[in-house]
Amino acid sequence: MWVGSFSVAAQKSNALVGGAKAGIPWTFETSLGGTQLWEDGSAADAFASYQLMASGRFVFQPLAWAWFQTGLQSASTRIPEATSEVNEPVSLSAIANVEIIPAFLYANFGFAFSFFEETLPLEDSAALFDFQNGYRYGLLPLGLNVKTLFGGTFLRQDWGPWLLLTGFSMGRSAPVTLYEDHTFTPPHLINGSFRLRHRKQDADHRIEIAATYFSEEKNAAQEAAHQEGMRWYFRYSLTQLFNSKGLEVALGGVWHAEDKNRRLLIRSELEHLGTNDNLQRIFVDGTWIWRVKPKWLAHLYLRPSLVFQAGADSKWGYETEVFLRSRMRFFGSHDFEVAPGALLGRFHGQPVAAVAFRAKYAFHHLPAINDEFAWESVDARK
């Protein structure tokens, strides 16, 4: 959510500045996707873990200094050992972005809201907790019954070949009823991001650092019961261009600090668990990018990762992810993208395999806001 808003702010269009095509630029996109996960190498449980998602997004820029986006999303997830699927029928999000100081300071504000509440059987609570906190490749954490307000500020500064992007955002959630007759307050979030980029004619260096702080989760009596440890993300990448082709290599990782829990059933202070059972990740990735035709971009992506839990009962594993992304533009304003992918690995002695697929269609009216064809083209600076 935060990164997407930051990207729109950093890459906004200037289509409203006169010309024969002056007007209101807008973009509509819709996507379908799914992930199927096999664990323990068992074909008998072929549908034990999966996730299907559909979404739509509309972005428009009525003013040179303001642009807005709204979206709908629906998802269905099968959680191992749960009694049934977990459905997120329809959730709505809306974001307003403004440019406060031209080409320097931006801000946004928005909300996310679930139209239909999905309550789960209490006996599924252990399975849901394991799914949200354990190892589940490619299956996104659930945002059930979400009612969230969020906002942020973002800075962009150019110094010749150097580009600095920084951001700070906050999200506040209302109490939700996830299990029947059991209400709790999800954690509020504070996010910070830093990106430093050095651009040359044929090379691009990027350093990215992001951090997320989680507040306390509270029960129906507003008593603190759990607090997630702070999460850090870092990545360094180098992109080298060769005419209409490019190669990106990167090194990065995710570190999730130790959680805190309430040890007693009565009101009490949260205590550190004494061990860190959160999932950690170190990865190296490479992307080969080429322009098949003037309006056809392709990305071949490979990421081997080391995955581990470094607590008292440490667990280790590895995975190798690969996917091919193909994006084509037709008639100057229609985009179509397909991205099949697969993963093979092993975690805590158990084999893991997954396949995933995503298809996306987008229509752009006038120069597109956050037009990936403009800024992702490997020879855009030629």
Protein backbone atom coordinates (compact mmCIF):
# COMPACT_ATOMS: atom_id res chain seq x y z
CA MET A 1 0.00 0.00 0.00
CA TRP A 2 2.67 2.52 1.02
CA VAL A 3 5.16 1.67 -1.70
CA GLY A 4 2.47 1.87 -4.35
CA SER A 5 1.41 5.33 -3.20
CA PHE A 6 5.02 6.47 -3.13
CA SER A 7 5.59 5.20 -6.67
CA VAL A 8 2.60 7.13 -8.00
CA ALA A 9 3.84 10.28 -6.29
CA ALA A 10 7.33 9.89 -7.67
CA GLN A 11 6.29 9.12 -11.24
CA LYS A 12 3.21 11.29 -11.80
CA SER A 13 2.26 12.57 -15.22
CA ASN A 14 2.42 16.14 -16.50
CA ALA A 15 -0.29 15.56 -19.08
CA LEU A 16 -2.30 18.59 -18.03
CA VAL A 17 0.24 21.05 -19.37
CA GLY A 18 -1.44 22.32 -22.57
CA GLY A 19 -1.07 20.75 -25.98
CA ALA A 20 -3.54 19.20 -28.37
CA LYS A 21 -4.19 16.36 -25.95
CA ALA A 22 -4.84 18.52 -22.90
CA GLY A 23 -7.46 16.96 -20.67
CA ILE A 24 -7.78 14.67 -17.66
CA PRO A 25 -5.44 11.67 -17.86
CA TRP A 26 -6.68 8.47 -16.28
CA THR A 27 -5.77 4.80 -16.11
CA PHE A 28 -7.93 1.77 -15.47
CA GLU A 29 -6.47 -1.67 -14.78
CA THR A 30 -7.79 -5.04 -13.72
CA SER A 31 -5.94 -8.20 -12.77
CA LEU A 32 -6.52 -11.86 -11.93
CA GLY A 33 -4.06 -14.11 -10.19
CA GLY A 34 -3.57 -17.22 -8.15
CA THR A 35 -0.98 -19.24 -6.25
CA GLN A 36 -1.00 -22.97 -5.57
CA LEU A 37 1.33 -24.27 -2.85
CA TRP A 38 2.33 -27.89 -2.25
CA GLU A 39 4.07 -28.84 0.99
CA ASP A 40 5.61 -32.12 2.17
CA GLY A 41 5.76 -33.21 -1.46
CA SER A 42 2.28 -34.69 -1.16
CA ALA A 43 0.13 -34.62 -4.29
CA ALA A 44 -2.79 -35.89 -2.21
CA ASP A 45 -3.06 -32.47 -0.57
CA ALA A 46 -2.80 -30.65 -3.88
CA PHE A 47 -5.32 -28.01 -2.86
CA ALA A 48 -4.33 -27.71 0.80
CA SER A 49 -2.97 -24.17 0.27
CA TYR A 50 -4.00 -21.76 -2.43
CA GLN A 51 -5.04 -18.19 -2.98
CA LEU A 52 -7.13 -16.64 -5.76
CA MET A 53 -7.32 -12.87 -6.16
CA ALA A 54 -9.08 -10.38 -8.44
CA SER A 55 -8.67 -6.62 -8.36
CA GLY A 56 -9.45 -3.43 -10.24
CA ARG A 57 -7.92 0.04 -9.96
CA PHE A 58 -8.79 3.45 -11.38
CA VAL A 59 -6.33 6.38 -11.27
CA PHE A 60 -7.10 9.87 -12.54
CA GLN A 61 -5.45 13.30 -12.38
CA PRO A 62 -7.96 16.17 -12.50
CA LEU A 63 -5.37 18.76 -11.44
CA ALA A 64 -1.71 19.23 -12.24
CA TRP A 65 -0.91 18.91 -8.53
CA ALA A 66 -3.49 16.28 -7.41
CA TRP A 67 -4.35 12.77 -8.51
CA PHE A 68 -6.54 10.06 -7.03
CA GLN A 69 -6.87 6.31 -7.13
CA THR A 70 -9.52 3.87 -6.00
CA GLY A 71 -9.60 0.10 -6.15
CA LEU A 72 -11.59 -3.02 -5.36
CA GLN A 73 -10.14 -6.39 -4.37
CA SER A 74 -11.55 -9.84 -3.70
CA ALA A 75 -9.69 -12.93 -2.53
CA SER A 76 -10.26 -16.53 -1.49
CA THR A 77 -7.59 -18.39 0.48
CA ARG A 78 -7.36 -22.01 1.57
CA ILE A 79 -5.39 -22.31 4.81
CA PRO A 80 -3.86 -25.65 5.81
CA GLU A 81 -5.74 -27.35 8.67
CA ALA A 82 -8.57 -24.79 8.55
CA THR A 83 -12.13 -26.08 8.31
CA SER A 84 -13.01 -24.04 5.20
CA GLU A 85 -11.82 -21.35 2.80
CA VAL A 86 -11.28 -17.84 4.08
CA ASN A 87 -13.02 -15.35 1.81
CA GLU A 88 -12.51 -11.62 1.47
CA PRO A 89 -15.56 -10.85 -0.70
CA VAL A 90 -15.00 -7.17 -1.55
CA SER A 91 -12.68 -4.58 -0.07
CA LEU A 92 -12.43 -0.97 -1.22
CA SER A 93 -9.44 1.34 -1.03
CA ALA A 94 -9.09 4.99 -2.03
CA ILE A 95 -6.06 7.29 -2.00
CA ALA A 96 -5.73 11.03 -2.63
CA ASN A 97 -2.26 12.29 -3.62
CA VAL A 98 -1.14 15.92 -3.70
CA GLU A 99 2.03 17.68 -4.80
CA ILE A 100 2.74 20.28 -2.10
CA ILE A 101 6.08 21.59 -3.42
CA PRO A 102 6.61 20.90 -7.14
CA ALA A 103 8.94 17.97 -7.81
CA PHE A 104 9.94 17.84 -4.11
CA LEU A 105 7.23 17.28 -1.44
CA TYR A 106 4.18 15.02 -1.78
CA ALA A 107 1.49 13.77 0.60
CA ASN A 108 -1.35 11.27 0.49
CA PHE A 109 -4.33 10.18 2.55
CA GLY A 110 -6.65 7.23 2.12
CA PHE A 111 -8.67 4.41 3.57
CA ALA A 112 -9.35 0.69 3.11
CA PHE A 113 -12.68 -0.85 4.01
CA SER A 114 -14.25 -4.32 3.76
CA PHE A 115 -17.87 -4.28 2.60
CA PHE A 116 -18.72 -7.71 4.01
CA GLU A 117 -17.37 -9.08 7.28
CA GLU A 118 -16.13 -12.66 7.29
CA THR A 119 -16.18 -14.38 10.69
CA LEU A 120 -14.23 -17.59 11.21
CA PRO A 121 -14.87 -20.52 13.53
CA LEU A 122 -12.89 -20.18 16.74
CA GLU A 123 -11.31 -23.59 16.12
CA ASP A 124 -9.56 -22.09 13.06
CA SER A 125 -7.67 -19.52 15.15
CA ALA A 126 -4.52 -21.67 15.51
CA ALA A 127 -4.44 -22.41 11.77
CA LEU A 128 -4.88 -18.72 10.93
CA PHE A 129 -2.15 -17.65 13.35
CA ASP A 130 0.26 -20.16 11.83
CA PHE A 131 -0.63 -18.98 8.33
CA GLN A 132 -0.12 -15.30 9.15
CA ASN A 133 3.18 -15.84 10.95
CA GLY A 134 4.73 -19.01 9.52
CA TYR A 135 6.26 -19.98 6.20
CA ARG A 136 3.74 -19.78 3.35
CA TYR A 137 5.40 -18.86 0.08
CA GLY A 138 3.43 -16.60 -2.26
CA LEU A 139 0.23 -16.51 -0.19
CA LEU A 140 -0.35 -12.96 0.98
CA PRO A 141 -1.27 -12.21 4.61
CA LEU A 142 -5.01 -11.79 5.00
CA GLY A 143 -6.63 -8.39 5.52
CA LEU A 144 -9.96 -9.64 6.79
CA ASN A 145 -12.65 -7.16 7.80
CA VAL A 146 -10.19 -4.31 7.43
CA LYS A 147 -11.17 -0.77 8.42
CA THR A 148 -8.04 1.34 8.07
CA LEU A 149 -7.13 5.00 7.61
CA PHE A 150 -3.63 5.88 6.42
CA GLY A 151 -1.60 8.85 5.27
CA GLY A 152 1.96 9.82 4.55
CA THR A 153 4.45 12.39 3.28
CA PHE A 154 7.14 11.77 0.69
CA LEU A 155 10.20 13.69 -0.48
CA ARG A 156 11.97 13.59 -3.83
CA GLN A 157 15.30 15.32 -4.43
CA ASP A 158 17.52 15.30 -7.53
CA TRP A 159 21.24 16.09 -7.46
CA GLY A 160 22.43 15.53 -11.00
CA PRO A 161 22.77 11.76 -11.40
CA TRP A 162 21.61 11.20 -7.80
CA LEU A 163 17.95 10.75 -6.86
CA LEU A 164 16.76 10.54 -3.25
CA LEU A 165 13.26 9.28 -2.37
CA THR A 166 12.14 9.14 1.26
CA GLY A 167 8.75 8.52 2.81
CA PHE A 168 6.95 8.33 6.14
CA SER A 169 3.43 6.96 6.56
CA MET A 170 1.03 5.78 9.26
CA GLY A 171 -1.97 3.46 9.29
CA ARG A 172 -4.64 3.20 11.98
CA SER A 173 -7.14 0.31 12.14
CA ALA A 174 -10.53 0.12 13.82
CA PRO A 175 -11.56 -2.90 15.98
CA VAL A 176 -12.74 -5.91 13.94
CA THR A 177 -14.65 -9.10 14.72
CA LEU A 178 -12.59 -11.87 13.18
CA TYR A 179 -14.09 -14.75 15.19
CA GLU A 180 -17.69 -14.92 16.30
CA ASP A 181 -18.19 -12.87 19.49
CA HIS A 182 -14.44 -12.13 19.64
CA THR A 183 -13.39 -8.56 18.79
CA PHE A 184 -9.81 -7.32 18.67
CA THR A 185 -7.92 -4.24 17.49
CA PRO A 186 -5.25 -4.88 14.82
CA PRO A 187 -1.91 -3.10 15.22
CA HIS A 188 -1.43 0.42 13.95
CA LEU A 189 1.51 0.76 11.57
CA ILE A 190 4.28 3.30 11.14
CA ASN A 191 6.33 2.95 7.96
CA GLY A 192 9.54 4.63 6.86
CA SER A 193 11.31 4.23 3.53
CA PHE A 194 14.57 5.43 1.99
CA ARG A 195 15.75 4.98 -1.59
CA LEU A 196 18.96 6.36 -3.06
CA ARG A 197 19.56 6.00 -6.79
CA HIS A 198 22.59 6.84 -8.94
CA ARG A 199 21.85 6.99 -12.65
CA LYS A 200 24.29 6.95 -15.55
CA GLN A 201 23.87 6.44 -19.26
CA ASP A 202 24.14 2.65 -19.04
CA ALA A 203 24.13 1.81 -15.31
CA ASP A 204 21.74 2.30 -12.42
CA HIS A 205 22.60 1.76 -8.71
CA ARG A 206 19.83 1.63 -6.08
CA ILE A 207 19.87 1.29 -2.30
CA GLU A 208 16.48 0.70 -0.62
CA ILE A 209 15.78 0.54 3.12
CA ALA A 210 12.32 0.28 4.70
CA ALA A 211 11.09 -0.28 8.25
CA THR A 212 7.68 -1.01 9.77
CA TYR A 213 6.76 -0.53 13.42
CA PHE A 214 3.72 -2.38 14.79
CA SER A 215 1.74 -1.12 17.77
CA GLU A 216 0.12 -3.44 20.31
CA GLU A 217 -2.78 -5.69 19.32
CA LYS A 218 -5.64 -5.44 21.82
CA ASN A 219 -8.59 -7.60 22.79
CA ALA A 220 -12.24 -6.55 23.16
CA ALA A 221 -11.47 -4.99 26.56
CA GLN A 222 -8.67 -2.93 24.90
CA GLU A 223 -6.02 -4.85 26.83
CA ALA A 224 -2.73 -5.33 25.03
CA ALA A 225 -2.20 -8.98 24.16
CA HIS A 226 0.51 -9.11 21.46
CA GLN A 227 3.00 -6.91 19.65
CA GLU A 228 4.84 -7.79 16.46
CA GLY A 229 8.53 -7.07 16.33
CA MET A 230 9.78 -4.32 14.05
CA ARG A 231 10.34 -5.38 10.43
CA TRP A 232 13.31 -4.20 8.33
CA TYR A 233 13.82 -4.54 4.59
CA PHE A 234 16.97 -3.75 2.63
CA ARG A 235 18.07 -4.20 -0.98
CA TYR A 236 20.94 -3.07 -3.19
CA SER A 237 20.65 -3.46 -6.95
CA LEU A 238 22.73 -2.71 -10.03
CA THR A 239 21.14 -2.48 -13.47
CA GLN A 240 23.41 -2.58 -16.51
CA LEU A 241 22.03 -1.63 -19.94
CA PHE A 242 23.10 -3.12 -23.26
CA ASN A 243 21.33 -1.32 -26.11
CA SER A 244 17.74 -2.64 -25.86
CA LYS A 245 18.57 -5.19 -23.15
CA GLY A 246 19.37 -4.97 -19.48
CA LEU A 247 20.61 -7.06 -16.54
CA GLU A 248 19.75 -6.34 -12.92
CA VAL A 249 21.44 -8.09 -9.99
CA ALA A 250 20.52 -7.46 -6.36
CA LEU A 251 21.27 -8.51 -2.78
CA GLY A 252 18.76 -7.99 0.01
CA GLY A 253 16.97 -9.35 3.01
CA VAL A 254 14.12 -9.04 5.49
CA TRP A 255 14.67 -9.05 9.26
CA HIS A 256 11.72 -9.35 11.65
CA ALA A 257 12.59 -8.59 15.28
CA GLU A 258 11.33 -10.48 18.34
CA ASP A 259 7.65 -10.25 19.31
CA LYS A 260 6.17 -9.44 22.71
CA ASN A 261 3.21 -11.25 24.33
CA ARG A 262 1.10 -10.94 27.45
CA ARG A 263 2.12 -13.86 29.65
CA LEU A 264 -0.92 -13.82 31.95
CA LEU A 265 -4.66 -13.85 31.26
CA ILE A 266 -5.14 -10.74 33.40
CA ARG A 267 -4.11 -7.19 32.43
CA SER A 268 -0.32 -7.10 32.42
CA GLU A 269 2.68 -5.72 30.58
CA LEU A 270 3.81 -7.35 27.35
CA GLU A 271 7.05 -9.28 27.67
CA HIS A 272 9.63 -10.35 25.12
CA LEU A 273 9.26 -13.99 24.22
CA GLY A 274 12.91 -14.73 24.94
CA THR A 275 13.28 -16.16 21.43
CA ASN A 276 12.66 -14.89 17.92
CA ASP A 277 10.48 -17.26 15.91
CA ASN A 278 9.71 -14.79 13.13
CA LEU A 279 10.67 -15.69 9.59
CA GLN A 280 13.86 -14.09 8.27
CA ARG A 281 15.06 -13.98 4.67
CA ILE A 282 18.27 -13.25 2.74
CA PHE A 283 18.08 -13.24 -1.05
CA VAL A 284 20.02 -12.66 -4.24
CA ASP A 285 18.07 -11.94 -7.37
CA GLY A 286 18.73 -11.35 -11.03
CA THR A 287 16.49 -10.03 -13.80
CA TRP A 288 17.21 -10.18 -17.53
CA ILE A 289 15.18 -7.51 -19.35
CA TRP A 290 14.81 -7.19 -23.06
CA ARG A 291 12.67 -5.39 -25.59
CA VAL A 292 11.27 -8.08 -27.86
CA LYS A 293 9.60 -5.45 -30.04
CA PRO A 294 9.20 -1.66 -29.66
CA LYS A 295 6.06 -2.17 -27.55
CA TRP A 296 6.84 -5.55 -26.02
CA LEU A 297 8.93 -5.81 -22.86
CA ALA A 298 9.96 -9.07 -21.20
CA HIS A 299 11.52 -9.78 -17.80
CA LEU A 300 13.03 -13.12 -16.75
CA TYR A 301 13.42 -13.13 -12.98
CA LEU A 302 15.39 -15.53 -10.74
CA ARG A 303 15.67 -15.30 -6.95
CA PRO A 304 17.40 -17.88 -4.71
CA SER A 305 16.75 -17.20 -1.01
CA LEU A 306 17.84 -18.45 2.39
CA VAL A 307 14.85 -18.64 4.76
CA PHE A 308 15.18 -19.26 8.49
CA GLN A 309 13.71 -18.89 11.97
CA ALA A 310 16.52 -18.14 14.38
CA GLY A 311 14.72 -18.79 17.67
CA ALA A 312 15.38 -21.50 20.26
CA ASP A 313 13.83 -24.03 17.88
CA SER A 314 15.63 -22.79 14.77
CA LYS A 315 14.39 -23.79 11.33
CA TRP A 316 16.26 -23.37 8.07
CA GLY A 317 15.40 -23.65 4.44
CA TYR A 318 16.00 -22.39 0.95
CA GLU A 319 13.92 -21.61 -2.10
CA THR A 320 14.44 -20.67 -5.73
CA GLU A 321 11.81 -18.55 -7.43
CA VAL A 322 11.57 -17.94 -11.17
CA PHE A 323 8.99 -16.13 -13.26
CA LEU A 324 8.63 -14.66 -16.73
CA ARG A 325 6.85 -11.32 -17.09
CA SER A 326 5.70 -10.31 -20.57
CA ARG A 327 4.07 -6.94 -21.16
CA MET A 328 2.71 -5.65 -24.47
CA ARG A 329 1.14 -2.35 -25.51
CA PHE A 330 -1.45 -2.14 -28.28
CA PHE A 331 -2.76 0.93 -30.12
CA GLY A 332 -0.79 3.25 -27.88
CA SER A 333 -3.04 2.96 -24.82
CA HIS A 334 -3.85 -0.72 -24.12
CA ASP A 335 -1.49 -2.82 -21.99
CA PHE A 336 -1.67 -6.57 -21.45
CA GLU A 337 0.62 -8.46 -19.09
CA VAL A 338 1.05 -12.11 -18.16
CA ALA A 339 3.42 -13.41 -15.49
CA PRO A 340 3.66 -17.16 -14.83
CA GLY A 341 6.04 -18.30 -12.10
CA ALA A 342 7.20 -21.27 -10.05
CA LEU A 343 9.16 -22.07 -6.90
CA LEU A 344 11.07 -25.07 -5.58
CA GLY A 345 12.61 -25.30 -2.14
CA ARG A 346 12.86 -27.00 1.21
CA PHE A 347 12.02 -25.66 4.67
CA HIS A 348 12.73 -27.47 7.93
CA GLY A 349 13.39 -30.69 6.03
CA GLN A 350 10.15 -30.58 4.06
CA PRO A 351 10.00 -30.03 0.27
CA VAL A 352 8.00 -27.06 -0.98
CA ALA A 353 6.73 -26.34 -4.49
CA ALA A 354 4.45 -23.65 -5.86
CA VAL A 355 3.12 -22.29 -9.12
CA ALA A 356 1.65 -18.84 -9.64
CA PHE A 357 0.04 -16.89 -12.45
CA ARG A 358 -1.09 -13.31 -12.92
CA ALA A 359 -2.75 -11.56 -15.86
CA LYS A 360 -3.36 -7.81 -16.00
CA TYR A 361 -5.03 -5.47 -18.48
CA ALA A 362 -4.76 -1.67 -18.37
CA PHE A 363 -6.12 1.19 -20.46
CA HIS A 364 -4.46 4.62 -20.43
CA HIS A 365 -6.23 7.81 -21.48
CA LEU A 366 -3.62 10.46 -22.39
CA PRO A 367 -0.06 10.07 -21.02
CA ALA A 368 -0.44 7.54 -18.24
CA ILE A 369 0.11 8.28 -14.58
CA ASN A 370 2.96 6.10 -13.29
CA ASP A 371 3.37 4.65 -16.79
CA GLU A 372 5.67 1.66 -16.35
CA PHE A 373 6.40 1.59 -20.07
CA ALA A 374 8.03 5.00 -19.73
CA TRP A 375 10.24 4.40 -16.71
CA GLU A 376 10.87 0.65 -16.85
CA SER A 377 12.04 0.60 -20.47
CA VAL A 378 15.63 -0.56 -20.41
CA ASP A 379 16.60 1.91 -23.13
CA ALA A 380 14.47 4.82 -21.90
CA ARG A 381 17.59 6.91 -21.27
CA LYS A 382 19.16 6.21 -24.67
